[in-house]
Amino acid sequence: MHVKKNDTVLVIAGKDRGKRGKVLRVSPRKQRVIVEGVNLLKKNVRANPAEQESGGIRENEASINASNVMVCCPRCNQPVRISRQVLDDGTLVRRCRKCQEMI
């Protein structure tokens, strides 16, 4: 999967197209990601006096398909495609295709 936790991504499709956010959770088996501030759903919550929670309407992020986001390069600050490269010591690194910076 081209997206990892804590990556900054740009949403390229869907109702939140154009928004940037940090990846909070990745589900590789389902090919879905949860991005901070994107795809907010409202949920009505009942008050629970035993846990001292107040009721009301809460907004939570829902998952979106990983194909609808692009990773933003920390150096050039643009949405980019990712290439993978194996270094001499055998480690796998992700690189920006525009500026060749390691992500």
C-alpha atoms as a PDB file:
ATOM      1  CA  MET A   1       0.000   0.000   0.000  1.00  0.00           C
ATOM      2  CA  HIS A   2       1.365   3.424  -0.941  1.00  0.00           C
ATOM      3  CA  VAL A   3       0.015   5.198   2.175  1.00  0.00           C
ATOM      4  CA  LYS A   4       1.282   4.785   5.730  1.00  0.00           C
ATOM      5  CA  LYS A   5       0.199   6.121   9.102  1.00  0.00           C
ATOM      6  CA  ASN A   6       1.174   9.771   9.777  1.00  0.00           C
ATOM      7  CA  ASP A   7       1.590  10.566   6.056  1.00  0.00           C
ATOM      8  CA  THR A   8       0.157  13.863   4.862  1.00  0.00           C
ATOM      9  CA  VAL A   9      -2.198  13.168   1.989  1.00  0.00           C
ATOM     10  CA  LEU A  10      -4.384  15.072  -0.466  1.00  0.00           C
ATOM     11  CA  VAL A  11      -7.849  13.737  -1.274  1.00  0.00           C
ATOM     12  CA  ILE A  12      -8.198  13.564  -5.070  1.00  0.00           C
ATOM     13  CA  ALA A  13     -11.723  12.138  -5.388  1.00  0.00           C
ATOM     14  CA  GLY A  14     -15.032  12.210  -3.570  1.00  0.00           C
ATOM     15  CA  LYS A  15     -16.992  14.821  -1.648  1.00  0.00           C
ATOM     16  CA  ASP A  16     -13.868  16.047   0.227  1.00  0.00           C
ATOM     17  CA  ARG A  17     -11.703  16.487  -2.885  1.00  0.00           C
ATOM     18  CA  GLY A  18      -8.901  19.010  -2.368  1.00  0.00           C
ATOM     19  CA  LYS A  19      -8.600  18.582   1.406  1.00  0.00           C
ATOM     20  CA  ARG A  20      -5.299  17.735   3.044  1.00  0.00           C
ATOM     21  CA  GLY A  21      -4.947  15.750   6.214  1.00  0.00           C
ATOM     22  CA  LYS A  22      -2.859  13.353   8.238  1.00  0.00           C
ATOM     23  CA  VAL A  23      -3.491   9.613   7.969  1.00  0.00           C
ATOM     24  CA  LEU A  24      -4.743   8.342  11.322  1.00  0.00           C
ATOM     25  CA  ARG A  25      -5.256   4.672  10.511  1.00  0.00           C
ATOM     26  CA  VAL A  26      -4.556   2.337   7.577  1.00  0.00           C
ATOM     27  CA  SER A  27      -6.385  -0.890   6.778  1.00  0.00           C
ATOM     28  CA  PRO A  28      -4.302  -2.630   4.082  1.00  0.00           C
ATOM     29  CA  ARG A  29      -6.538  -5.672   3.741  1.00  0.00           C
ATOM     30  CA  LYS A  30      -9.574  -3.530   2.947  1.00  0.00           C
ATOM     31  CA  GLN A  31      -7.519  -0.893   1.024  1.00  0.00           C
ATOM     32  CA  ARG A  32      -8.971   1.900   3.191  1.00  0.00           C
ATOM     33  CA  VAL A  33      -7.537   4.821   5.172  1.00  0.00           C
ATOM     34  CA  ILE A  34      -8.886   7.211   7.789  1.00  0.00           C
ATOM     35  CA  VAL A  35      -7.746  10.799   7.232  1.00  0.00           C
ATOM     36  CA  GLU A  36      -7.999  13.539   9.845  1.00  0.00           C
ATOM     37  CA  GLY A  37     -10.863  15.944   9.073  1.00  0.00           C
ATOM     38  CA  VAL A  38     -12.047  14.081   5.971  1.00  0.00           C
ATOM     39  CA  ASN A  39     -15.314  12.167   5.435  1.00  0.00           C
ATOM     40  CA  LEU A  40     -16.886  13.303   8.706  1.00  0.00           C
ATOM     41  CA  LEU A  41     -20.015  11.476   9.790  1.00  0.00           C
ATOM     42  CA  LYS A  42     -22.403  12.739  12.461  1.00  0.00           C
ATOM     43  CA  LYS A  43     -23.562  10.336  15.159  1.00  0.00           C
ATOM     44  CA  ASN A  44     -26.166  10.936  17.835  1.00  0.00           C
ATOM     45  CA  VAL A  45     -24.852   9.786  21.223  1.00  0.00           C
ATOM     46  CA  ARG A  46     -27.001   9.157  24.272  1.00  0.00           C
ATOM     47  CA  ALA A  47     -25.819  10.507  27.628  1.00  0.00           C
ATOM     48  CA  ASN A  48     -24.231   7.926  29.929  1.00  0.00           C
ATOM     49  CA  PRO A  49     -24.246   9.089  33.561  1.00  0.00           C
ATOM     50  CA  ALA A  50     -22.250   6.057  34.737  1.00  0.00           C
ATOM     51  CA  GLU A  51     -19.243   7.173  32.651  1.00  0.00           C
ATOM     52  CA  GLN A  52     -20.101  10.873  32.993  1.00  0.00           C
ATOM     53  CA  GLU A  53     -20.459  11.362  29.257  1.00  0.00           C
ATOM     54  CA  SER A  54     -22.752  14.016  27.915  1.00  0.00           C
ATOM     55  CA  GLY A  55     -25.041  13.232  25.037  1.00  0.00           C
ATOM     56  CA  GLY A  56     -25.211  15.117  21.775  1.00  0.00           C
ATOM     57  CA  ILE A  57     -24.024  14.977  18.211  1.00  0.00           C
ATOM     58  CA  ARG A  58     -20.442  13.826  17.622  1.00  0.00           C
ATOM     59  CA  GLU A  59     -18.481  13.888  14.389  1.00  0.00           C
ATOM     60  CA  ASN A  60     -16.159  11.007  13.559  1.00  0.00           C
ATOM     61  CA  GLU A  61     -13.935  10.378  10.556  1.00  0.00           C
ATOM     62  CA  ALA A  62     -14.975   7.458   8.372  1.00  0.00           C
ATOM     63  CA  SER A  63     -12.652   5.535   6.088  1.00  0.00           C
ATOM     64  CA  ILE A  64     -12.128   6.274   2.409  1.00  0.00           C
ATOM     65  CA  ASN A  65     -10.552   4.169  -0.295  1.00  0.00           C
ATOM     66  CA  ALA A  66      -6.767   4.429  -0.480  1.00  0.00           C
ATOM     67  CA  SER A  67      -6.929   5.030  -4.233  1.00  0.00           C
ATOM     68  CA  ASN A  68      -8.647   8.373  -3.543  1.00  0.00           C
ATOM     69  CA  VAL A  69      -5.612   9.911  -1.810  1.00  0.00           C
ATOM     70  CA  MET A  70      -2.134  10.944  -2.914  1.00  0.00           C
ATOM     71  CA  VAL A  71       0.862  11.284  -0.611  1.00  0.00           C
ATOM     72  CA  CYS A  72       2.233  14.830  -0.251  1.00  0.00           C
ATOM     73  CA  CYS A  73       6.015  15.081  -0.369  1.00  0.00           C
ATOM     74  CA  PRO A  74       7.441  16.822   2.723  1.00  0.00           C
ATOM     75  CA  ARG A  75      10.110  18.568   0.627  1.00  0.00           C
ATOM     76  CA  CYS A  76       8.226  19.813  -2.438  1.00  0.00           C
ATOM     77  CA  ASN A  77       4.859  19.987  -0.589  1.00  0.00           C
ATOM     78  CA  GLN A  78       2.910  18.674  -3.593  1.00  0.00           C
ATOM     79  CA  PRO A  79       0.883  15.510  -4.137  1.00  0.00           C
ATOM     80  CA  VAL A  80       3.198  12.989  -5.752  1.00  0.00           C
ATOM     81  CA  ARG A  81       3.397   9.401  -6.845  1.00  0.00           C
ATOM     82  CA  ILE A  82       5.656   7.155  -4.820  1.00  0.00           C
ATOM     83  CA  SER A  83       8.456   4.921  -6.047  1.00  0.00           C
ATOM     84  CA  ARG A  84      10.095   2.223  -3.978  1.00  0.00           C
ATOM     85  CA  GLN A  85      13.819   1.597  -3.966  1.00  0.00           C
ATOM     86  CA  VAL A  86      16.008  -0.981  -2.262  1.00  0.00           C
ATOM     87  CA  LEU A  87      19.170   0.515  -0.786  1.00  0.00           C
ATOM     88  CA  ASP A  88      22.568  -1.229  -0.682  1.00  0.00           C
ATOM     89  CA  ASP A  89      21.981  -2.413   2.892  1.00  0.00           C
ATOM     90  CA  GLY A  90      18.697  -4.076   1.838  1.00  0.00           C
ATOM     91  CA  THR A  91      16.234  -1.584   3.323  1.00  0.00           C
ATOM     92  CA  LEU A  92      13.208  -0.523   1.292  1.00  0.00           C
ATOM     93  CA  VAL A  93      12.580   3.232   1.079  1.00  0.00           C
ATOM     94  CA  ARG A  94       9.820   5.290  -0.504  1.00  0.00           C
ATOM     95  CA  ARG A  95      10.862   8.143  -2.781  1.00  0.00           C
ATOM     96  CA  CYS A  96       9.117  11.128  -4.298  1.00  0.00           C
ATOM     97  CA  ARG A  97       8.980  10.812  -8.083  1.00  0.00           C
ATOM     98  CA  LYS A  98       9.370  14.584  -8.585  1.00  0.00           C
ATOM     99  CA  CYS A  99      12.290  15.512  -6.316  1.00  0.00           C
ATOM    100  CA  GLN A 100      13.692  12.021  -5.490  1.00  0.00           C
ATOM    101  CA  GLU A 101      13.552  12.829  -1.750  1.00  0.00           C
ATOM    102  CA  MET A 102      13.099   9.910   0.655  1.00  0.00           C
ATOM    103  CA  ILE A 103       9.736   9.948   2.400  1.00  0.00           C
END
